[in-house]
Amino acid sequence: MATDTETDEAGVDSEAETAAAETEASGGHSKAKLLKVGGLLLLVIVLQIGISYWLLAPSGPPEEIPDEIAPESTNVTSEVPIDNFSVTNNIAEPGATIHVTFNLVALVEQGSAADFESMVKEQSKARVKQAVIEVVRKSSLSDLNDPQLGTMKRMMKEAINKVLKKSYVVEIVISEYRTLTQ
């Protein structure tokens, strides 16, 4: 009887041998392909890290900052008391009135402290008080409840410097701050 498949060796199926050879060839080919893709991916990652470092790294030695632009903390400042305030705010919480009381002190450069004090206490006293009161009355509930009072301090500093037409105030200090809601 004749068989459909002829083999050179006894007990070896030629189809199984051919399938095994194809699997080895494709497995070897897929491993090489996987290594190439992994290498390319690694190269892209290294390039991204290098470019990010190049773009974000400081270039050259740090430049010296001129005295006019130097941080305010390096300047010697003096505390100049402005006044005690008691202001109501009807806008912050609808249907309620918030009473705000505080002491206001301005930090100014030591050389201009006397000039600032005469401006605030004599020449522009009413306008400075009005500017501070406007800031408190326009403040939102979150501004009034902010533990650092950052927004109110910034707005008061800007308002006072605008009234005096010169940047005297370096920083605002608010002490004995209390709010009462009715």
C-alpha atoms as a PDB file:
ATOM      1  CA  MET A   1       0.000   0.000   0.000  1.00  0.00           C
ATOM      2  CA  ALA A   2       1.167   3.427  -0.818  1.00  0.00           C
ATOM      3  CA  THR A   3       1.097   6.357   1.610  1.00  0.00           C
ATOM      4  CA  ASP A   4       0.343   9.946   0.881  1.00  0.00           C
ATOM      5  CA  THR A   5       3.457  11.259   2.501  1.00  0.00           C
ATOM      6  CA  GLU A   6       6.838   9.882   1.901  1.00  0.00           C
ATOM      7  CA  THR A   7       9.478  10.195   4.527  1.00  0.00           C
ATOM      8  CA  ASP A   8      13.153   9.765   4.341  1.00  0.00           C
ATOM      9  CA  GLU A   9      13.424   8.644   7.922  1.00  0.00           C
ATOM     10  CA  ALA A  10      11.252   6.261   9.741  1.00  0.00           C
ATOM     11  CA  GLY A  11       9.003   7.711  12.479  1.00  0.00           C
ATOM     12  CA  VAL A  12       9.394  11.391  11.444  1.00  0.00           C
ATOM     13  CA  ASP A  13       6.398  13.278  10.141  1.00  0.00           C
ATOM     14  CA  SER A  14       7.492  15.806   7.508  1.00  0.00           C
ATOM     15  CA  GLU A  15       4.572  18.178   8.159  1.00  0.00           C
ATOM     16  CA  ALA A  16       5.382  18.429  11.861  1.00  0.00           C
ATOM     17  CA  GLU A  17       9.011  19.070  11.001  1.00  0.00           C
ATOM     18  CA  THR A  18       8.083  21.843   8.596  1.00  0.00           C
ATOM     19  CA  ALA A  19       5.739  23.485  11.174  1.00  0.00           C
ATOM     20  CA  ALA A  20       8.451  23.363  13.840  1.00  0.00           C
ATOM     21  CA  ALA A  21      10.944  24.983  11.472  1.00  0.00           C
ATOM     22  CA  GLU A  22       8.469  27.771  10.641  1.00  0.00           C
ATOM     23  CA  THR A  23       7.773  28.382  14.344  1.00  0.00           C
ATOM     24  CA  GLU A  24      11.479  28.670  15.116  1.00  0.00           C
ATOM     25  CA  ALA A  25      12.010  31.039  12.207  1.00  0.00           C
ATOM     26  CA  SER A  26       9.056  33.242  13.133  1.00  0.00           C
ATOM     27  CA  GLY A  27       9.988  33.171  16.849  1.00  0.00           C
ATOM     28  CA  GLY A  28      13.523  34.221  16.038  1.00  0.00           C
ATOM     29  CA  HIS A  29      12.195  36.878  13.715  1.00  0.00           C
ATOM     30  CA  SER A  30       9.729  38.221  16.336  1.00  0.00           C
ATOM     31  CA  LYS A  31      12.452  38.296  19.004  1.00  0.00           C
ATOM     32  CA  ALA A  32      14.692  40.335  16.736  1.00  0.00           C
ATOM     33  CA  LYS A  33      11.799  42.620  15.906  1.00  0.00           C
ATOM     34  CA  LEU A  34      10.964  43.000  19.621  1.00  0.00           C
ATOM     35  CA  LEU A  35      14.592  43.856  20.423  1.00  0.00           C
ATOM     36  CA  LYS A  36      14.659  46.478  17.662  1.00  0.00           C
ATOM     37  CA  VAL A  37      11.435  48.090  18.897  1.00  0.00           C
ATOM     38  CA  GLY A  38      12.674  48.034  22.514  1.00  0.00           C
ATOM     39  CA  GLY A  39      15.991  49.592  21.493  1.00  0.00           C
ATOM     40  CA  LEU A  40      14.208  52.296  19.523  1.00  0.00           C
ATOM     41  CA  LEU A  41      11.903  53.001  22.468  1.00  0.00           C
ATOM     42  CA  LEU A  42      14.881  53.235  24.822  1.00  0.00           C
ATOM     43  CA  LEU A  43      16.615  55.639  22.422  1.00  0.00           C
ATOM     44  CA  VAL A  44      13.526  57.886  22.284  1.00  0.00           C
ATOM     45  CA  ILE A  45      13.271  57.964  26.096  1.00  0.00           C
ATOM     46  CA  VAL A  46      16.955  58.856  26.479  1.00  0.00           C
ATOM     47  CA  LEU A  47      16.591  61.611  23.876  1.00  0.00           C
ATOM     48  CA  GLN A  48      13.541  63.032  25.666  1.00  0.00           C
ATOM     49  CA  ILE A  49      15.388  63.108  28.976  1.00  0.00           C
ATOM     50  CA  GLY A  50      18.391  64.779  27.359  1.00  0.00           C
ATOM     51  CA  ILE A  51      16.292  67.433  25.616  1.00  0.00           C
ATOM     52  CA  SER A  52      14.278  68.110  28.805  1.00  0.00           C
ATOM     53  CA  TYR A  53      17.482  68.579  30.798  1.00  0.00           C
ATOM     54  CA  TRP A  54      18.919  70.859  28.132  1.00  0.00           C
ATOM     55  CA  LEU A  55      15.782  73.012  28.041  1.00  0.00           C
ATOM     56  CA  LEU A  56      15.235  73.192  31.800  1.00  0.00           C
ATOM     57  CA  ALA A  57      18.826  73.431  33.042  1.00  0.00           C
ATOM     58  CA  PRO A  58      20.096  76.904  33.977  1.00  0.00           C
ATOM     59  CA  SER A  59      22.292  78.347  31.299  1.00  0.00           C
ATOM     60  CA  GLY A  60      25.539  79.885  32.454  1.00  0.00           C
ATOM     61  CA  PRO A  61      26.379  81.438  35.806  1.00  0.00           C
ATOM     62  CA  PRO A  62      23.597  83.213  37.702  1.00  0.00           C
ATOM     63  CA  GLU A  63      23.313  86.869  36.885  1.00  0.00           C
ATOM     64  CA  GLU A  64      23.669  89.451  39.593  1.00  0.00           C
ATOM     65  CA  ILE A  65      20.449  91.213  40.523  1.00  0.00           C
ATOM     66  CA  PRO A  66      20.620  95.003  40.574  1.00  0.00           C
ATOM     67  CA  ASP A  67      19.806  96.671  43.892  1.00  0.00           C
ATOM     68  CA  GLU A  68      16.556  98.140  42.540  1.00  0.00           C
ATOM     69  CA  ILE A  69      15.192  94.699  41.692  1.00  0.00           C
ATOM     70  CA  ALA A  70      16.659  92.882  44.700  1.00  0.00           C
ATOM     71  CA  PRO A  71      14.189  91.092  46.977  1.00  0.00           C
ATOM     72  CA  GLU A  72      12.465  93.334  49.463  1.00  0.00           C
ATOM     73  CA  SER A  73      13.614  91.236  52.400  1.00  0.00           C
ATOM     74  CA  THR A  74      17.214  92.415  51.957  1.00  0.00           C
ATOM     75  CA  ASN A  75      16.215  96.060  52.485  1.00  0.00           C
ATOM     76  CA  VAL A  76      15.958  97.388  56.023  1.00  0.00           C
ATOM     77  CA  THR A  77      12.346  98.263  56.765  1.00  0.00           C
ATOM     78  CA  SER A  78      10.545 100.188  59.465  1.00  0.00           C
ATOM     79  CA  GLU A  79       7.065  99.597  60.823  1.00  0.00           C
ATOM     80  CA  VAL A  80       4.833 102.633  60.518  1.00  0.00           C
ATOM     81  CA  PRO A  81       1.406 102.327  62.178  1.00  0.00           C
ATOM     82  CA  ILE A  82      -1.368 103.645  59.966  1.00  0.00           C
ATOM     83  CA  ASP A  83      -4.500 103.371  62.127  1.00  0.00           C
ATOM     84  CA  ASN A  84      -7.051 101.089  63.811  1.00  0.00           C
ATOM     85  CA  PHE A  85     -10.009 100.221  61.598  1.00  0.00           C
ATOM     86  CA  SER A  86     -13.559  99.066  62.201  1.00  0.00           C
ATOM     87  CA  VAL A  87     -15.323  98.391  58.909  1.00  0.00           C
ATOM     88  CA  THR A  88     -18.561  96.663  57.872  1.00  0.00           C
ATOM     89  CA  ASN A  89     -18.927  94.519  54.786  1.00  0.00           C
ATOM     90  CA  ASN A  90     -22.411  93.841  53.411  1.00  0.00           C
ATOM     91  CA  ILE A  91     -21.299  92.218  50.153  1.00  0.00           C
ATOM     92  CA  ALA A  92     -19.319  89.183  51.340  1.00  0.00           C
ATOM     93  CA  GLU A  93     -22.259  87.225  52.704  1.00  0.00           C
ATOM     94  CA  PRO A  94     -25.741  87.994  51.331  1.00  0.00           C
ATOM     95  CA  GLY A  95     -28.261  88.715  54.078  1.00  0.00           C
ATOM     96  CA  ALA A  96     -25.575  89.279  56.707  1.00  0.00           C
ATOM     97  CA  THR A  97     -23.302  92.079  57.824  1.00  0.00           C
ATOM     98  CA  ILE A  98     -19.700  91.315  58.675  1.00  0.00           C
ATOM     99  CA  HIS A  99     -17.926  93.668  61.074  1.00  0.00           C
ATOM    100  CA  VAL A 100     -14.146  93.667  60.605  1.00  0.00           C
ATOM    101  CA  THR A 101     -11.744  95.290  63.081  1.00  0.00           C
ATOM    102  CA  PHE A 102      -7.956  95.375  62.809  1.00  0.00           C
ATOM    103  CA  ASN A 103      -4.793  97.402  63.306  1.00  0.00           C
ATOM    104  CA  LEU A 104      -2.936  98.315  60.146  1.00  0.00           C
ATOM    105  CA  VAL A 105       0.834  98.743  59.965  1.00  0.00           C
ATOM    106  CA  ALA A 106       2.925  99.377  56.864  1.00  0.00           C
ATOM    107  CA  LEU A 107       6.495  98.192  56.371  1.00  0.00           C
ATOM    108  CA  VAL A 108       8.423 100.865  54.484  1.00  0.00           C
ATOM    109  CA  GLU A 109      12.086 101.324  53.688  1.00  0.00           C
ATOM    110  CA  GLN A 110      13.871 102.851  56.633  1.00  0.00           C
ATOM    111  CA  GLY A 111      15.049 105.884  54.661  1.00  0.00           C
ATOM    112  CA  SER A 112      11.542 106.897  53.643  1.00  0.00           C
ATOM    113  CA  ALA A 113       9.749 106.061  56.915  1.00  0.00           C
ATOM    114  CA  ALA A 114       9.556 109.681  58.134  1.00  0.00           C
ATOM    115  CA  ASP A 115       8.268 110.926  54.772  1.00  0.00           C
ATOM    116  CA  PHE A 116       5.690 108.115  54.623  1.00  0.00           C
ATOM    117  CA  GLU A 117       4.502 108.776  58.166  1.00  0.00           C
ATOM    118  CA  SER A 118       3.964 112.472  57.483  1.00  0.00           C
ATOM    119  CA  MET A 119       2.041 111.633  54.293  1.00  0.00           C
ATOM    120  CA  VAL A 120      -0.198 109.086  56.071  1.00  0.00           C
ATOM    121  CA  LYS A 121      -0.761 111.016  59.301  1.00  0.00           C
ATOM    122  CA  GLU A 122      -1.134 114.539  57.912  1.00  0.00           C
ATOM    123  CA  GLN A 123      -1.353 115.160  54.174  1.00  0.00           C
ATOM    124  CA  SER A 124      -3.275 112.106  52.914  1.00  0.00           C
ATOM    125  CA  LYS A 125      -4.810 110.686  56.083  1.00  0.00           C
ATOM    126  CA  ALA A 126      -8.447 110.687  54.921  1.00  0.00           C
ATOM    127  CA  ARG A 127      -7.642 109.317  51.438  1.00  0.00           C
ATOM    128  CA  VAL A 128      -5.518 106.478  52.858  1.00  0.00           C
ATOM    129  CA  LYS A 129      -8.294 105.534  55.310  1.00  0.00           C
ATOM    130  CA  GLN A 130     -10.849 105.625  52.504  1.00  0.00           C
ATOM    131  CA  ALA A 131      -8.686 103.382  50.313  1.00  0.00           C
ATOM    132  CA  VAL A 132      -8.290 100.809  53.108  1.00  0.00           C
ATOM    133  CA  ILE A 133     -12.016 100.861  53.913  1.00  0.00           C
ATOM    134  CA  GLU A 134     -12.890 100.356  50.225  1.00  0.00           C
ATOM    135  CA  VAL A 135     -10.652  97.298  50.064  1.00  0.00           C
ATOM    136  CA  VAL A 136     -12.333  95.717  53.098  1.00  0.00           C
ATOM    137  CA  ARG A 137     -15.839  96.520  51.859  1.00  0.00           C
ATOM    138  CA  LYS A 138     -15.135  95.024  48.418  1.00  0.00           C
ATOM    139  CA  SER A 139     -13.539  91.847  49.822  1.00  0.00           C
ATOM    140  CA  SER A 140     -15.226  88.487  49.393  1.00  0.00           C
ATOM    141  CA  LEU A 141     -15.979  86.085  52.229  1.00  0.00           C
ATOM    142  CA  SER A 142     -13.019  83.892  51.284  1.00  0.00           C
ATOM    143  CA  ASP A 143     -10.708  86.942  51.373  1.00  0.00           C
ATOM    144  CA  LEU A 144     -11.988  87.895  54.828  1.00  0.00           C
ATOM    145  CA  ASN A 145     -11.567  84.326  56.119  1.00  0.00           C
ATOM    146  CA  ASP A 146      -8.111  83.747  54.585  1.00  0.00           C
ATOM    147  CA  PRO A 147      -5.678  82.989  57.459  1.00  0.00           C
ATOM    148  CA  GLN A 148      -2.863  84.985  55.806  1.00  0.00           C
ATOM    149  CA  LEU A 149      -5.177  87.720  54.464  1.00  0.00           C
ATOM    150  CA  GLY A 150      -2.975  87.698  51.347  1.00  0.00           C
ATOM    151  CA  THR A 151      -5.422  89.267  48.912  1.00  0.00           C
ATOM    152  CA  MET A 152      -6.485  92.014  51.292  1.00  0.00           C
ATOM    153  CA  LYS A 153      -2.869  92.879  52.148  1.00  0.00           C
ATOM    154  CA  ARG A 154      -1.922  93.071  48.473  1.00  0.00           C
ATOM    155  CA  MET A 155      -4.944  95.217  47.621  1.00  0.00           C
ATOM    156  CA  MET A 156      -4.297  97.555  50.584  1.00  0.00           C
ATOM    157  CA  LYS A 157      -0.655  97.937  49.603  1.00  0.00           C
ATOM    158  CA  GLU A 158      -1.631  98.829  46.026  1.00  0.00           C
ATOM    159  CA  ALA A 159      -4.373 101.221  47.164  1.00  0.00           C
ATOM    160  CA  ILE A 160      -2.131 103.092  49.632  1.00  0.00           C
ATOM    161  CA  ASN A 161       0.728 103.393  47.139  1.00  0.00           C
ATOM    162  CA  LYS A 162      -1.750 104.645  44.527  1.00  0.00           C
ATOM    163  CA  VAL A 163      -3.097 107.322  46.884  1.00  0.00           C
ATOM    164  CA  LEU A 164       0.419 108.469  47.803  1.00  0.00           C
ATOM    165  CA  LYS A 165       1.531 108.315  44.126  1.00  0.00           C
ATOM    166  CA  LYS A 166       4.762 106.600  45.190  1.00  0.00           C
ATOM    167  CA  SER A 167       5.653 103.036  46.151  1.00  0.00           C
ATOM    168  CA  TYR A 168       6.380 103.586  49.824  1.00  0.00           C
ATOM    169  CA  VAL A 169       4.753 100.422  51.181  1.00  0.00           C
ATOM    170  CA  VAL A 170       6.845  97.263  50.935  1.00  0.00           C
ATOM    171  CA  GLU A 171       4.462  95.071  52.909  1.00  0.00           C
ATOM    172  CA  ILE A 172       1.269  95.379  54.936  1.00  0.00           C
ATOM    173  CA  VAL A 173       0.893  93.909  58.426  1.00  0.00           C
ATOM    174  CA  ILE A 174      -2.591  93.368  59.847  1.00  0.00           C
ATOM    175  CA  SER A 175      -2.772  92.683  63.571  1.00  0.00           C
ATOM    176  CA  GLU A 176      -5.601  92.087  66.025  1.00  0.00           C
ATOM    177  CA  TYR A 177      -7.855  91.021  63.161  1.00  0.00           C
ATOM    178  CA  ARG A 178     -11.410  90.092  64.144  1.00  0.00           C
ATOM    179  CA  THR A 179     -14.612  89.478  62.228  1.00  0.00           C
ATOM    180  CA  LEU A 180     -18.141  89.361  63.593  1.00  0.00           C
ATOM    181  CA  THR A 181     -21.064  88.232  61.452  1.00  0.00           C
ATOM    182  CA  GLN A 182     -24.563  89.564  62.185  1.00  0.00           C
END
